Amino acid sequence: SMGVALGIPSACAVNCWNEVFTHQACCGDPPTRTDCWQPEAGFSHATCCDSAKLSENEVRARYRLFRYAVARSVKNVSSGQCSGAATPLLDALETVGLSQVPKVRQLLRRTAGRLDAVCSADPVAVHLQVTAMTAGALRACEGEKLGVYFRSHSQRYWAHIFARSAARLRAEARVVLRHSARAPMDIAMVASVGRPVFGQKALATIRSALFHARERPLRFHLVVDAEGEVDMRRALGTLQPWLAARGEFHMYSGDSLKAAWKLVYDMVPEDCLAFEKRYGSPGWLRLFAHHIITMPSVRVVLWVDAGDFAFFADPAEVLVYRERFEEQHIVGAPVAHSLPVQLFDLQRMRSRGWDAMVAEVVRLGYADSGAKFCMLGEGLAVTGLTVEFKRVWAYFPSVWSYEPYDLWLPGHGVREHPDPFVWRMGSGAALSSSFMSMRVSCAWFSETLASMLFLGDPSNADLTAKLANLANEVPWIWRNLSFTDDKGQKVHCGAQVKAAHFVLPFHYVPWVHRVLNFWAGAEVWNKDWNKGRDLRV
C-alpha cells in the first residue's frame, strides 16, 4: 500500500491486523508486542482493540448512510465541484462519531485548489462510482444499489471519449513533423508470427506511435511469418495516408531471420521453446535484434511488445536515454519493465559479447527450472540478463511502459465486476479525456474514502484506523513526490504516461479493449482474444 511505501505505521492501516501485528500479539491479555501503537499517527490501543460490535441493524443503517453519502458526492462532482466530493463522505464519518474528521477537513482545505484544477466532471464521477461499487460489491447488494447513479454518467463519459478522440484524430491530419528530413526513429516488434494472424492487433502499437510522432519519421522493423506478412500488409493498408506518410515499414521473414532463428534453436532446448503456446518461441528473436536488423544506418532500436502496447507520446523522446548510456551499457529499459521494452544499441550488442550473455542465462535458467524456464517465452531470460549482467543495463522512467492498475481497488481494477453493466461501462482511472492520453492513476481522496466506507468492518475502530492512515497520506500525495507502487513502478501521481503496456490481466478488461480497438482501427480485442492462439513455431 502507499502507506507502507511511505513508512507510515501500518499495524492498523487496512483491517487493523497483518501477519506481524496480529490481534493476539497487540490485544492479547497481556499483549506480546509493545510496538503496536503510535498514537501520534492515530493508532492507539483503543482504536484497534475496541471489541464493541455493531448489531446487524446498525450495520445496515451505516451502509444506507454511506450509499447516500456517495450519491451526494457524485452530485457535487457532476456540478463541477470536485473539491466538494469528499464533503458528504466526511459528513457520514462524522455522523457515526469519528473524532478525527476535523483534522482531515483541515488537510483537504489546503489541497482544494489542486482538486479543482484537475476536475472533469464525468470522468471523476465515473471513477468515483466504480470505486464505490467495486468495494460495495463485497458487501451484500451494496454495489448493485450504488449502480443506479452510474448509468447516465458512464454513457456520457464514453460518448465524450469517443467524440474527443475522433476530433483529435481529424485535427492531427494537419500537423507536420518538425524535422521530416532527420534520420528516422527505429522501432521493432514481433508483429505477426504464429496463429492466428496478429497484424490488425499489432497496428494498435504502430498507429499510436505514428499519431504521436512529432520530431522525426518512424521506421518500423516488423518480424512476421508468411501468413503474418500478408495480414500485416493488409492492416497497414488501412492506415490513414497522412499517418502512413510518417513512417516506413520493413518486414523480416524467411531468410532475413535465419541467423537469429539458428541462435535461438542452438541456445534454447526444444522442449523449452514448446512449453507454452501463449508465448511460444518468436519472442526470443528480440534478443538477437542485431542479427535481424543489419541496415548500417540503424544504430539504436526500441523493441516493444506488439498489440497490447500503445504510445501516448512521441517515441523519439526515448532517444535521450540512449544519450545517457554510460560506457558499459548495451541496453536500456523502463524501471520494472525490462520484459516488454528494450532500447538496444545494436553495435554494442555485436561487439561486446551479448550472444554469450544470453547463452549463459539460458544455461543457468534451464539447469534450474527445465522447460518451465520458457513459461513466459523469453521473459525469464530477460529477467536473468538484468540480474546476471546488471552492469550492461540502463534504466529510464516507468512511464514508458506503464501498467495502469487501479491499485486502491479490490482486484486492482482488472477483476470482473459482478454487475455486467459496471464491468462493461467502467473505465480505468489512468485514461484521460481521450484515447490519446493517459496519466499515472492515484486514488483521489474521495475515491479512497468511498472505498474505505464499504471495505472491511464498518465499526468505529476500523474506520478510525483507516482514516488516521489516510490523513497521513493526504499531504504527501499532493507534493508530487516519486514513489514506487505495488507493481514496482517508480512514478508520481498524475504524471503523463508516455506508453502503456496492457499486460495479460488487462486483456480481459472492456475499457482496455476500447483503447486498443481505437488504435487498431477494428474490433479485434474482446473477451475471446486468446481463442486459437498458438505461438509455438
Protein backbone atom coordinates (compact mmCIF):
# COMPACT_ATOMS: atom_id res chain seq x y z
CA SER A 1 0.00 0.00 0.00
CA MET A 2 1.06 3.64 -0.36
CA GLY A 3 1.20 3.83 3.43
CA VAL A 4 3.75 1.05 3.60
CA ALA A 5 5.82 2.64 0.84
CA LEU A 6 5.94 5.87 2.83
CA GLY A 7 6.93 4.20 6.05
CA ILE A 8 3.63 5.18 7.69
CA PRO A 9 2.70 2.89 10.57
CA SER A 10 0.73 0.03 9.09
CA ALA A 11 -0.35 -2.05 12.07
CA CYS A 12 -3.89 -0.70 11.74
CA ALA A 13 -3.80 0.57 8.18
CA VAL A 14 -6.17 -1.84 6.48
CA ASN A 15 -8.11 -4.11 8.81
CA CYS A 16 -6.04 -3.33 11.88
CA TRP A 17 -4.05 -6.52 11.50
CA ASN A 18 -1.40 -8.12 9.34
CA GLU A 19 0.87 -11.14 9.69
CA VAL A 20 3.19 -9.31 12.10
CA PHE A 21 0.80 -7.11 14.05
CA THR A 22 -1.84 -9.70 14.84
CA HIS A 23 -4.83 -9.17 17.12
CA GLN A 24 -3.40 -11.65 19.60
CA ALA A 25 0.03 -10.00 19.58
CA CYS A 26 -1.32 -6.49 20.11
CA CYS A 27 -4.58 -7.00 22.02
CA GLY A 28 -3.98 -10.19 23.98
CA ASP A 29 -4.13 -10.26 27.73
CA PRO A 30 -1.32 -9.45 28.09
CA PRO A 31 -0.14 -8.36 24.57
CA THR A 32 3.08 -9.99 23.36
CA ARG A 33 4.25 -6.91 21.44
CA THR A 34 4.92 -3.45 22.82
CA ASP A 35 5.44 -1.66 19.47
CA CYS A 36 1.90 -1.88 18.06
CA TRP A 37 0.81 1.65 18.81
CA GLN A 38 1.91 5.03 17.51
CA PRO A 39 -0.65 7.49 18.92
CA GLU A 40 0.84 10.43 17.01
CA ALA A 41 -0.20 8.66 13.77
CA GLY A 42 -3.67 7.88 15.08
CA PHE A 43 -3.01 4.28 16.08
CA SER A 44 -3.91 3.60 19.69
CA HIS A 45 -4.78 0.51 21.66
CA ALA A 46 -8.41 1.62 21.76
CA THR A 47 -8.50 2.13 18.00
CA CYS A 48 -7.68 -1.43 17.09
CA CYS A 49 -8.64 -3.37 20.18
CA ASP A 50 -12.11 -1.97 20.73
CA SER A 51 -14.24 -5.10 20.95
CA ALA A 52 -17.57 -3.33 20.55
CA LYS A 53 -19.50 -4.95 17.71
CA LEU A 54 -22.28 -3.38 15.69
CA SER A 55 -25.63 -5.11 15.55
CA GLU A 56 -26.98 -6.27 12.21
CA ASN A 57 -29.43 -3.36 12.13
CA GLU A 58 -26.64 -0.89 12.89
CA VAL A 59 -24.53 -2.29 10.06
CA ARG A 60 -27.41 -1.94 7.58
CA ALA A 61 -28.09 1.60 8.76
CA ARG A 62 -24.45 2.57 8.27
CA TYR A 63 -24.37 1.22 4.72
CA ARG A 64 -27.55 3.16 3.91
CA LEU A 65 -25.84 6.28 5.22
CA PHE A 66 -22.71 5.53 3.18
CA ARG A 67 -24.71 4.93 -0.03
CA TYR A 68 -26.46 8.27 0.44
CA ALA A 69 -23.09 9.96 1.03
CA VAL A 70 -21.68 8.55 -2.23
CA ALA A 71 -24.77 9.78 -4.11
CA ARG A 72 -24.31 13.31 -2.73
CA SER A 73 -20.60 13.17 -3.55
CA VAL A 74 -21.33 12.19 -7.16
CA LYS A 75 -23.89 15.04 -7.38
CA ASN A 76 -21.23 17.52 -6.25
CA VAL A 77 -18.77 16.22 -8.83
CA SER A 78 -21.40 16.31 -11.58
CA SER A 79 -21.92 20.02 -10.99
CA GLY A 80 -18.16 20.63 -11.29
CA GLN A 81 -17.43 20.84 -7.56
CA CYS A 82 -14.65 18.24 -7.43
CA SER A 83 -13.18 19.72 -4.27
CA GLY A 84 -16.56 19.07 -2.62
CA ALA A 85 -16.54 15.37 -3.49
CA ALA A 86 -15.18 14.36 -0.09
CA THR A 87 -17.52 16.53 1.98
CA PRO A 88 -20.55 14.17 2.09
CA LEU A 89 -18.27 11.21 2.81
CA LEU A 90 -16.63 13.01 5.72
CA ASP A 91 -20.08 14.12 6.92
CA ALA A 92 -21.06 10.46 7.09
CA LEU A 93 -17.98 9.59 9.11
CA GLU A 94 -18.65 12.48 11.49
CA THR A 95 -22.26 11.29 11.86
CA VAL A 96 -21.08 7.89 13.09
CA GLY A 97 -18.80 9.59 15.63
CA LEU A 98 -15.28 9.68 14.18
CA SER A 99 -13.37 12.38 16.06
CA GLN A 100 -10.54 12.70 13.50
CA VAL A 101 -12.75 14.16 10.76
CA PRO A 102 -11.99 17.86 11.55
CA LYS A 103 -8.26 17.22 11.15
CA VAL A 104 -8.85 15.64 7.75
CA ARG A 105 -11.08 18.52 6.64
CA GLN A 106 -8.31 20.94 7.51
CA LEU A 107 -5.84 18.97 5.41
CA LEU A 108 -8.25 18.92 2.47
CA ARG A 109 -8.71 22.70 2.56
CA ARG A 110 -5.01 23.08 1.80
CA THR A 111 -5.30 20.96 -1.35
CA ALA A 112 -8.75 22.01 -2.60
CA GLY A 113 -7.36 24.28 -5.30
CA ARG A 114 -5.43 21.44 -6.87
CA LEU A 115 -8.51 19.24 -6.87
CA ASP A 116 -10.47 21.94 -8.72
CA ALA A 117 -7.68 22.38 -11.23
CA VAL A 118 -7.90 18.79 -12.47
CA CYS A 119 -11.67 18.43 -12.27
CA SER A 120 -13.51 16.97 -15.25
CA ALA A 121 -16.99 16.08 -14.07
CA ASP A 122 -17.98 12.89 -15.86
CA PRO A 123 -14.60 11.10 -15.62
CA VAL A 124 -14.29 11.85 -11.90
CA ALA A 125 -17.91 10.84 -11.32
CA VAL A 126 -17.42 7.57 -13.22
CA HIS A 127 -14.23 6.66 -11.38
CA LEU A 128 -15.70 7.57 -8.01
CA GLN A 129 -18.71 5.36 -8.64
CA VAL A 130 -16.63 2.46 -9.97
CA THR A 131 -14.56 2.67 -6.78
CA ALA A 132 -17.61 2.69 -4.51
CA MET A 133 -19.39 -0.08 -6.42
CA THR A 134 -16.32 -2.31 -6.61
CA ALA A 135 -15.83 -2.03 -2.87
CA GLY A 136 -19.57 -2.22 -2.21
CA ALA A 137 -19.92 -5.38 -4.28
CA LEU A 138 -18.11 -7.20 -1.50
CA ARG A 139 -20.92 -6.18 0.89
CA ALA A 140 -24.15 -7.95 0.03
CA CYS A 141 -26.06 -5.84 -2.51
CA GLU A 142 -24.36 -2.52 -1.82
CA GLY A 143 -22.63 -2.43 -5.20
CA GLU A 144 -25.90 -3.08 -7.03
CA LYS A 145 -27.72 -0.35 -5.09
CA LEU A 146 -24.98 2.13 -5.84
CA GLY A 147 -25.23 1.33 -9.55
CA VAL A 148 -28.37 3.37 -10.11
CA TYR A 149 -26.22 6.53 -10.13
CA PHE A 150 -23.77 5.12 -12.65
CA ARG A 151 -25.59 4.61 -15.95
CA SER A 152 -26.05 8.18 -17.15
CA HIS A 153 -22.54 9.26 -16.12
CA SER A 154 -20.81 6.31 -17.78
CA GLN A 155 -22.72 6.72 -21.05
CA ARG A 156 -21.88 10.44 -21.20
CA TYR A 157 -18.28 9.68 -20.32
CA TRP A 158 -17.71 7.23 -23.17
CA ALA A 159 -19.59 9.41 -25.65
CA HIS A 160 -17.21 12.23 -24.68
CA ILE A 161 -14.12 10.00 -25.01
CA PHE A 162 -15.07 8.79 -28.49
CA ALA A 163 -16.11 12.24 -29.74
CA ARG A 164 -12.96 13.96 -28.45
CA SER A 165 -10.72 11.19 -29.81
CA ALA A 166 -12.28 11.43 -33.27
CA ALA A 167 -11.84 15.21 -33.23
CA ARG A 168 -8.19 14.95 -32.23
CA LEU A 169 -7.57 12.37 -34.96
CA ARG A 170 -9.04 14.74 -37.57
CA ALA A 171 -7.06 17.70 -36.27
CA GLU A 172 -3.80 15.73 -36.29
CA ALA A 173 -4.01 15.34 -40.08
CA ARG A 174 -2.91 18.97 -40.34
CA VAL A 175 0.18 18.51 -38.15
CA VAL A 176 3.55 18.34 -39.95
CA LEU A 177 6.66 16.67 -38.49
CA ARG A 178 9.10 19.31 -37.26
CA HIS A 179 12.14 17.60 -38.81
CA SER A 180 10.91 15.29 -41.55
CA ALA A 181 14.41 15.09 -43.06
CA ARG A 182 16.00 13.80 -39.84
CA ALA A 183 17.15 10.21 -39.54
CA PRO A 184 14.13 8.11 -38.54
CA MET A 185 13.46 6.65 -35.11
CA ASP A 186 13.69 2.84 -35.29
CA ILE A 187 11.01 0.68 -33.62
CA ALA A 188 10.90 -3.12 -33.82
CA MET A 189 8.43 -5.79 -32.77
CA VAL A 190 7.34 -9.36 -33.44
CA ALA A 191 4.28 -8.23 -35.36
CA SER A 192 2.62 -11.47 -36.55
CA VAL A 193 4.20 -14.89 -36.12
CA GLY A 194 2.08 -17.93 -35.24
CA ARG A 195 -1.67 -18.44 -35.13
CA PRO A 196 -3.96 -16.62 -35.51
CA VAL A 197 -2.52 -13.76 -37.56
CA PHE A 198 -1.92 -10.67 -35.48
CA GLY A 199 -1.41 -7.82 -37.94
CA GLN A 200 -4.51 -5.80 -37.09
CA LYS A 201 -3.80 -6.06 -33.36
CA ALA A 202 -0.18 -5.01 -33.92
CA LEU A 203 -1.48 -1.95 -35.74
CA ALA A 204 -2.58 -0.52 -32.37
CA THR A 205 1.07 -0.12 -31.41
CA ILE A 206 2.07 1.20 -34.84
CA ARG A 207 -0.79 3.68 -35.28
CA SER A 208 -0.43 5.12 -31.77
CA ALA A 209 3.30 5.65 -32.40
CA LEU A 210 2.67 7.36 -35.75
CA PHE A 211 -0.03 9.60 -34.28
CA HIS A 212 2.24 10.88 -31.53
CA ALA A 213 5.36 11.29 -33.72
CA ARG A 214 6.40 14.96 -33.75
CA GLU A 215 10.15 15.32 -34.21
CA ARG A 216 11.10 12.82 -36.91
CA PRO A 217 9.76 9.97 -39.07
CA LEU A 218 9.46 6.46 -37.66
CA ARG A 219 10.96 3.33 -39.23
CA PHE A 220 9.29 0.07 -38.21
CA HIS A 221 11.00 -3.31 -38.31
CA LEU A 222 8.25 -5.93 -38.29
CA VAL A 223 9.00 -9.60 -37.70
CA VAL A 224 6.43 -11.80 -39.46
CA ASP A 225 5.89 -15.26 -40.93
CA ALA A 226 4.42 -15.87 -44.40
CA GLU A 227 0.76 -15.56 -43.37
CA GLY A 228 1.58 -12.81 -40.92
CA GLU A 229 3.24 -10.72 -43.62
CA VAL A 230 0.12 -10.84 -45.79
CA ASP A 231 -2.04 -9.85 -42.82
CA MET A 232 0.37 -7.13 -41.69
CA ARG A 233 0.46 -5.55 -45.15
CA ARG A 234 -3.33 -5.64 -45.30
CA ALA A 235 -3.54 -3.95 -41.87
CA LEU A 236 -1.01 -1.28 -42.85
CA GLY A 237 -3.17 -0.57 -45.86
CA THR A 238 -5.91 0.65 -43.51
CA LEU A 239 -3.74 3.48 -42.13
CA GLN A 240 -4.83 6.99 -42.99
CA PRO A 241 -2.45 8.23 -45.75
CA TRP A 242 -1.21 11.14 -43.63
CA LEU A 243 -0.29 8.72 -40.82
CA ALA A 244 1.38 6.21 -43.16
CA ALA A 245 3.47 9.06 -44.56
CA ARG A 246 5.13 9.50 -41.15
CA GLY A 247 6.69 6.05 -41.29
CA GLU A 248 8.38 3.40 -43.34
CA PHE A 249 7.81 -0.31 -42.85
CA HIS A 250 10.27 -3.17 -43.24
CA MET A 251 9.19 -6.82 -42.99
CA TYR A 252 11.50 -9.56 -41.74
CA SER A 253 10.68 -13.18 -42.53
CA GLY A 254 12.26 -16.27 -44.07
CA ASP A 255 15.93 -15.77 -44.97
CA SER A 256 16.24 -12.49 -43.08
CA LEU A 257 15.55 -14.36 -39.84
CA LYS A 258 17.75 -17.41 -40.44
CA ALA A 259 20.73 -16.24 -38.40
CA ALA A 260 18.58 -15.23 -35.44
CA TRP A 261 16.49 -18.42 -35.51
CA LYS A 262 19.69 -20.52 -35.62
CA LEU A 263 20.92 -18.84 -32.44
CA VAL A 264 17.56 -19.42 -30.76
CA TYR A 265 17.49 -23.12 -31.65
CA ASP A 266 21.16 -23.59 -30.73
CA MET A 267 20.75 -21.97 -27.31
CA VAL A 268 17.24 -22.87 -26.17
CA PRO A 269 16.23 -26.54 -25.75
CA GLU A 270 13.32 -27.70 -27.93
CA ASP A 271 11.07 -28.68 -25.02
CA CYS A 272 11.56 -25.21 -23.55
CA LEU A 273 10.53 -23.45 -26.76
CA ALA A 274 7.39 -25.61 -26.96
CA PHE A 275 6.41 -25.28 -23.30
CA GLU A 276 3.78 -22.52 -23.50
CA LYS A 277 1.70 -21.91 -26.63
CA ARG A 278 0.56 -18.47 -25.49
CA TYR A 279 4.14 -17.17 -25.63
CA GLY A 280 5.90 -19.74 -27.81
CA SER A 281 9.24 -19.04 -29.43
CA PRO A 282 9.02 -15.87 -31.61
CA GLY A 283 9.67 -13.56 -28.67
CA TRP A 284 13.20 -14.93 -28.39
CA LEU A 285 14.06 -13.14 -31.63
CA ARG A 286 14.10 -9.77 -29.84
CA LEU A 287 17.25 -10.88 -28.00
CA PHE A 288 19.01 -11.14 -31.36
CA ALA A 289 17.88 -7.85 -32.87
CA HIS A 290 21.46 -7.18 -34.00
CA HIS A 291 21.35 -10.28 -36.26
CA ILE A 292 17.99 -9.27 -37.77
CA ILE A 293 18.31 -5.53 -38.35
CA THR A 294 21.52 -5.16 -40.34
CA MET A 295 20.99 -1.80 -42.07
CA PRO A 296 24.19 0.20 -41.47
CA SER A 297 22.14 3.30 -40.67
CA VAL A 298 20.33 1.64 -37.75
CA ARG A 299 22.37 2.04 -34.58
CA VAL A 300 19.68 2.15 -31.86
CA VAL A 301 16.32 0.38 -31.91
CA LEU A 302 13.40 0.44 -29.49
CA TRP A 303 11.96 -3.10 -29.35
CA VAL A 304 8.44 -3.28 -27.91
CA ASP A 305 5.67 -5.81 -27.45
CA ALA A 306 3.10 -5.72 -30.23
CA GLY A 307 -0.65 -5.19 -29.99
CA ASP A 308 -1.12 -4.68 -26.25
CA PHE A 309 1.36 -1.81 -26.15
CA ALA A 310 0.30 1.76 -27.05
CA PHE A 311 2.20 5.04 -27.24
CA PHE A 312 0.88 8.26 -25.68
CA ALA A 313 3.90 10.44 -26.51
CA ASP A 314 6.42 10.81 -29.32
CA PRO A 315 8.52 7.60 -29.35
CA ALA A 316 11.57 9.64 -30.37
CA GLU A 317 11.63 11.19 -26.89
CA VAL A 318 13.10 7.93 -25.61
CA LEU A 319 16.34 8.53 -27.56
CA VAL A 320 17.51 10.97 -24.90
CA TYR A 321 18.04 7.97 -22.62
CA ARG A 322 20.43 6.39 -25.13
CA GLU A 323 22.47 9.61 -24.96
CA ARG A 324 22.78 9.00 -21.22
CA PHE A 325 24.20 5.47 -21.59
CA GLU A 326 27.48 5.01 -19.80
CA GLU A 327 30.37 3.11 -21.38
CA GLN A 328 29.26 -0.30 -20.03
CA HIS A 329 25.63 -0.04 -21.12
CA ILE A 330 24.29 -2.11 -24.01
CA VAL A 331 20.54 -1.99 -23.41
CA GLY A 332 18.05 0.27 -21.66
CA ALA A 333 14.59 -0.42 -20.25
CA PRO A 334 11.90 1.29 -18.15
CA VAL A 335 12.18 0.71 -14.40
CA ALA A 336 10.32 -2.53 -13.53
CA HIS A 337 9.53 -3.20 -17.20
CA SER A 338 12.54 -4.78 -18.86
CA LEU A 339 10.41 -7.54 -20.47
CA PRO A 340 8.13 -5.57 -22.85
CA VAL A 341 10.56 -2.78 -23.81
CA GLN A 342 14.26 -2.71 -24.64
CA LEU A 343 16.32 0.13 -26.08
CA PHE A 344 19.11 -1.74 -27.86
CA ASP A 345 22.46 -0.36 -29.03
CA LEU A 346 22.99 -2.74 -31.94
CA GLN A 347 26.70 -2.02 -32.41
CA ARG A 348 27.45 -2.70 -28.76
CA MET A 349 25.41 -5.93 -28.90
CA ARG A 350 27.62 -7.12 -31.77
CA SER A 351 30.94 -6.10 -30.24
CA ARG A 352 30.55 -6.81 -26.53
CA GLY A 353 29.55 -10.45 -26.24
CA TRP A 354 25.76 -10.09 -25.94
CA ASP A 355 25.14 -13.53 -27.52
CA ALA A 356 27.34 -15.17 -24.89
CA MET A 357 25.40 -13.41 -22.14
CA VAL A 358 22.12 -14.74 -23.49
CA ALA A 359 23.57 -18.25 -23.79
CA GLU A 360 24.79 -18.17 -20.18
CA VAL A 361 21.43 -17.02 -18.82
CA VAL A 362 19.61 -19.76 -20.76
CA ARG A 363 22.08 -22.38 -19.49
CA LEU A 364 21.59 -21.32 -15.89
CA GLY A 365 17.82 -20.98 -16.18
CA TYR A 366 17.24 -24.33 -17.89
CA ALA A 367 19.52 -26.11 -15.43
CA ASP A 368 17.46 -24.69 -12.59
CA SER A 369 13.90 -24.98 -13.98
CA GLY A 370 13.98 -27.20 -17.05
CA ALA A 371 11.35 -26.42 -19.70
CA LYS A 372 9.45 -24.19 -17.23
CA PHE A 373 12.17 -21.64 -17.85
CA CYS A 374 10.19 -20.77 -21.00
CA MET A 375 6.84 -20.36 -19.26
CA LEU A 376 6.92 -16.66 -20.26
CA GLY A 377 8.64 -17.26 -23.58
CA GLU A 378 11.85 -15.26 -23.44
CA GLY A 379 10.63 -13.34 -20.37
CA LEU A 380 12.63 -15.16 -17.70
CA ALA A 381 15.74 -14.93 -19.87
CA VAL A 382 15.35 -11.14 -20.00
CA THR A 383 14.94 -11.10 -16.23
CA GLY A 384 18.04 -13.27 -15.93
CA LEU A 385 20.02 -10.83 -18.05
CA THR A 386 19.05 -7.96 -15.73
CA VAL A 387 20.31 -9.98 -12.75
CA GLU A 388 23.39 -11.79 -14.07
CA PHE A 389 24.59 -8.90 -16.25
CA LYS A 390 23.11 -5.89 -14.49
CA ARG A 391 26.06 -3.71 -15.42
CA VAL A 392 25.01 -3.58 -19.10
CA TRP A 393 21.52 -2.25 -18.33
CA ALA A 394 20.50 1.40 -18.06
CA TYR A 395 17.05 2.38 -16.82
CA PHE A 396 14.63 5.16 -17.68
CA PRO A 397 11.22 6.13 -16.24
CA SER A 398 8.46 3.55 -15.76
CA VAL A 399 6.01 5.79 -17.67
CA TRP A 400 7.48 4.38 -20.89
CA SER A 401 5.75 1.07 -20.19
CA TYR A 402 3.15 1.96 -17.58
CA GLU A 403 0.73 -0.71 -16.35
CA PRO A 404 -2.46 1.21 -15.41
CA TYR A 405 -3.67 -0.76 -12.40
CA ASP A 406 -6.12 0.96 -10.05
CA LEU A 407 -4.21 -0.23 -7.03
CA TRP A 408 -6.72 1.02 -4.44
CA LEU A 409 -9.49 -1.26 -5.76
CA PRO A 410 -10.10 -4.91 -4.85
CA GLY A 411 -8.64 -6.80 -7.80
CA HIS A 412 -6.64 -3.68 -8.81
CA GLY A 413 -9.23 -2.84 -11.47
CA VAL A 414 -8.77 -5.99 -13.57
CA ARG A 415 -11.10 -8.33 -11.69
CA GLU A 416 -14.51 -8.72 -13.33
CA HIS A 417 -17.25 -6.80 -11.52
CA PRO A 418 -20.35 -8.81 -10.54
CA ASP A 419 -22.55 -6.21 -12.24
CA PRO A 420 -22.08 -6.74 -16.02
CA PHE A 421 -23.03 -3.14 -16.81
CA VAL A 422 -20.39 -1.76 -14.43
CA TRP A 423 -17.78 -4.10 -15.87
CA ARG A 424 -18.68 -3.15 -19.44
CA MET A 425 -19.01 0.62 -18.92
CA GLY A 426 -16.39 1.32 -16.26
CA SER A 427 -13.05 2.93 -17.00
CA GLY A 428 -9.57 2.81 -15.59
CA ALA A 429 -8.62 5.98 -13.75
CA ALA A 430 -5.48 6.43 -15.88
CA LEU A 431 -7.46 7.19 -19.05
CA SER A 432 -7.74 10.95 -19.51
CA SER A 433 -10.09 12.89 -21.78
CA SER A 434 -9.45 10.85 -24.95
CA PHE A 435 -7.73 7.69 -26.20
CA MET A 436 -4.69 9.84 -26.91
CA SER A 437 -3.62 10.49 -23.32
CA MET A 438 -3.11 8.72 -20.02
CA ARG A 439 -1.93 9.80 -16.60
CA VAL A 440 -0.45 7.87 -13.69
CA SER A 441 -3.51 6.91 -11.67
CA CYS A 442 -3.62 7.54 -7.95
CA ALA A 443 -6.84 7.42 -5.97
CA TRP A 444 -8.36 10.81 -5.33
CA PHE A 445 -9.01 11.38 -1.65
CA SER A 446 -12.75 10.96 -2.27
CA GLU A 447 -12.18 7.63 -4.05
CA THR A 448 -10.11 6.35 -1.16
CA LEU A 449 -12.82 7.44 1.27
CA ALA A 450 -15.57 5.79 -0.81
CA SER A 451 -13.65 2.54 -0.91
CA MET A 452 -12.92 2.77 2.81
CA LEU A 453 -16.60 3.10 3.69
CA PHE A 454 -17.50 -0.24 2.13
CA LEU A 455 -14.43 -2.38 2.73
CA GLY A 456 -13.92 -4.25 5.96
CA ASP A 457 -15.68 -3.74 9.25
CA PRO A 458 -17.86 -0.55 9.42
CA SER A 459 -17.19 -0.23 13.16
CA ASN A 460 -15.67 2.97 14.51
CA ALA A 461 -12.48 1.15 15.48
CA ASP A 462 -11.80 0.02 11.94
CA LEU A 463 -12.88 3.28 10.29
CA THR A 464 -10.80 5.38 12.71
CA ALA A 465 -7.67 3.38 11.96
CA LYS A 466 -8.14 3.73 8.21
CA LEU A 467 -8.89 7.44 8.41
CA ALA A 468 -5.79 8.02 10.54
CA ASN A 469 -3.64 6.29 7.95
CA LEU A 470 -5.30 8.25 5.15
CA ALA A 471 -4.76 11.55 6.95
CA ASN A 472 -1.03 10.84 6.96
CA GLU A 473 -1.05 10.25 3.22
CA VAL A 474 -3.01 13.34 2.12
CA PRO A 475 -0.19 15.94 2.29
CA TRP A 476 2.27 13.55 0.64
CA ILE A 477 0.04 12.69 -2.32
CA TRP A 478 -0.15 16.33 -3.39
CA ARG A 479 3.57 17.05 -3.16
CA ASN A 480 4.09 15.14 -6.44
CA LEU A 481 6.92 13.09 -4.99
CA SER A 482 8.03 9.97 -6.79
CA PHE A 483 7.08 6.70 -5.18
CA THR A 484 7.33 3.02 -6.02
CA ASP A 485 3.91 1.45 -6.38
CA ASP A 486 2.83 -2.11 -5.61
CA LYS A 487 3.93 -3.22 -9.10
CA GLY A 488 7.44 -1.83 -8.73
CA GLN A 489 6.77 1.17 -10.99
CA LYS A 490 8.57 4.35 -9.97
CA VAL A 491 6.08 7.13 -10.72
CA HIS A 492 4.37 10.21 -9.33
CA CYS A 493 0.65 10.89 -9.24
CA GLY A 494 -0.78 12.47 -12.37
CA ALA A 495 2.41 12.19 -14.44
CA GLN A 496 1.99 11.88 -18.21
CA VAL A 497 2.15 8.28 -19.39
CA LYS A 498 4.47 8.02 -22.40
CA ALA A 499 3.46 4.46 -23.31
CA ALA A 500 1.29 1.81 -21.69
CA HIS A 501 1.64 -1.94 -21.63
CA PHE A 502 -1.65 -3.71 -21.11
CA VAL A 503 -0.25 -6.94 -19.68
CA LEU A 504 -2.18 -10.22 -19.60
CA PRO A 505 -4.76 -9.34 -16.87
CA PHE A 506 -5.81 -6.29 -18.93
CA HIS A 507 -6.55 -8.44 -21.99
CA TYR A 508 -9.96 -9.25 -20.49
CA VAL A 509 -10.93 -5.71 -19.42
CA PRO A 510 -13.58 -3.94 -21.56
CA TRP A 511 -12.22 -0.40 -21.25
CA VAL A 512 -8.82 -1.63 -22.41
CA HIS A 513 -10.48 -3.27 -25.43
CA ARG A 514 -11.87 0.17 -26.33
CA VAL A 515 -8.42 1.76 -26.16
CA LEU A 516 -6.69 -0.93 -28.22
CA ASN A 517 -9.50 -1.25 -30.77
CA PHE A 518 -9.47 2.51 -31.33
CA TRP A 519 -5.79 2.38 -32.24
CA ALA A 520 -6.11 -0.89 -34.18
CA GLY A 521 -8.91 0.62 -36.24
CA ALA A 522 -11.04 -2.53 -35.88
CA GLU A 523 -12.91 -4.52 -33.23
CA VAL A 524 -10.16 -7.13 -32.77
CA TRP A 525 -9.84 -7.12 -28.97
CA ASN A 526 -12.62 -8.80 -26.97
CA LYS A 527 -13.08 -11.40 -24.24
CA ASP A 528 -12.15 -14.18 -26.72
CA TRP A 529 -8.83 -12.59 -27.70
CA ASN A 530 -6.93 -15.78 -26.76
CA LYS A 531 -9.04 -18.21 -28.81
CA GLY A 532 -6.86 -20.40 -31.05
CA ARG A 533 -3.65 -18.63 -30.03
CA ASP A 534 -0.53 -20.77 -30.59
CA LEU A 535 2.89 -19.17 -31.00
CA ARG A 536 4.94 -22.38 -31.00
CA VAL A 537 6.76 -22.30 -34.34
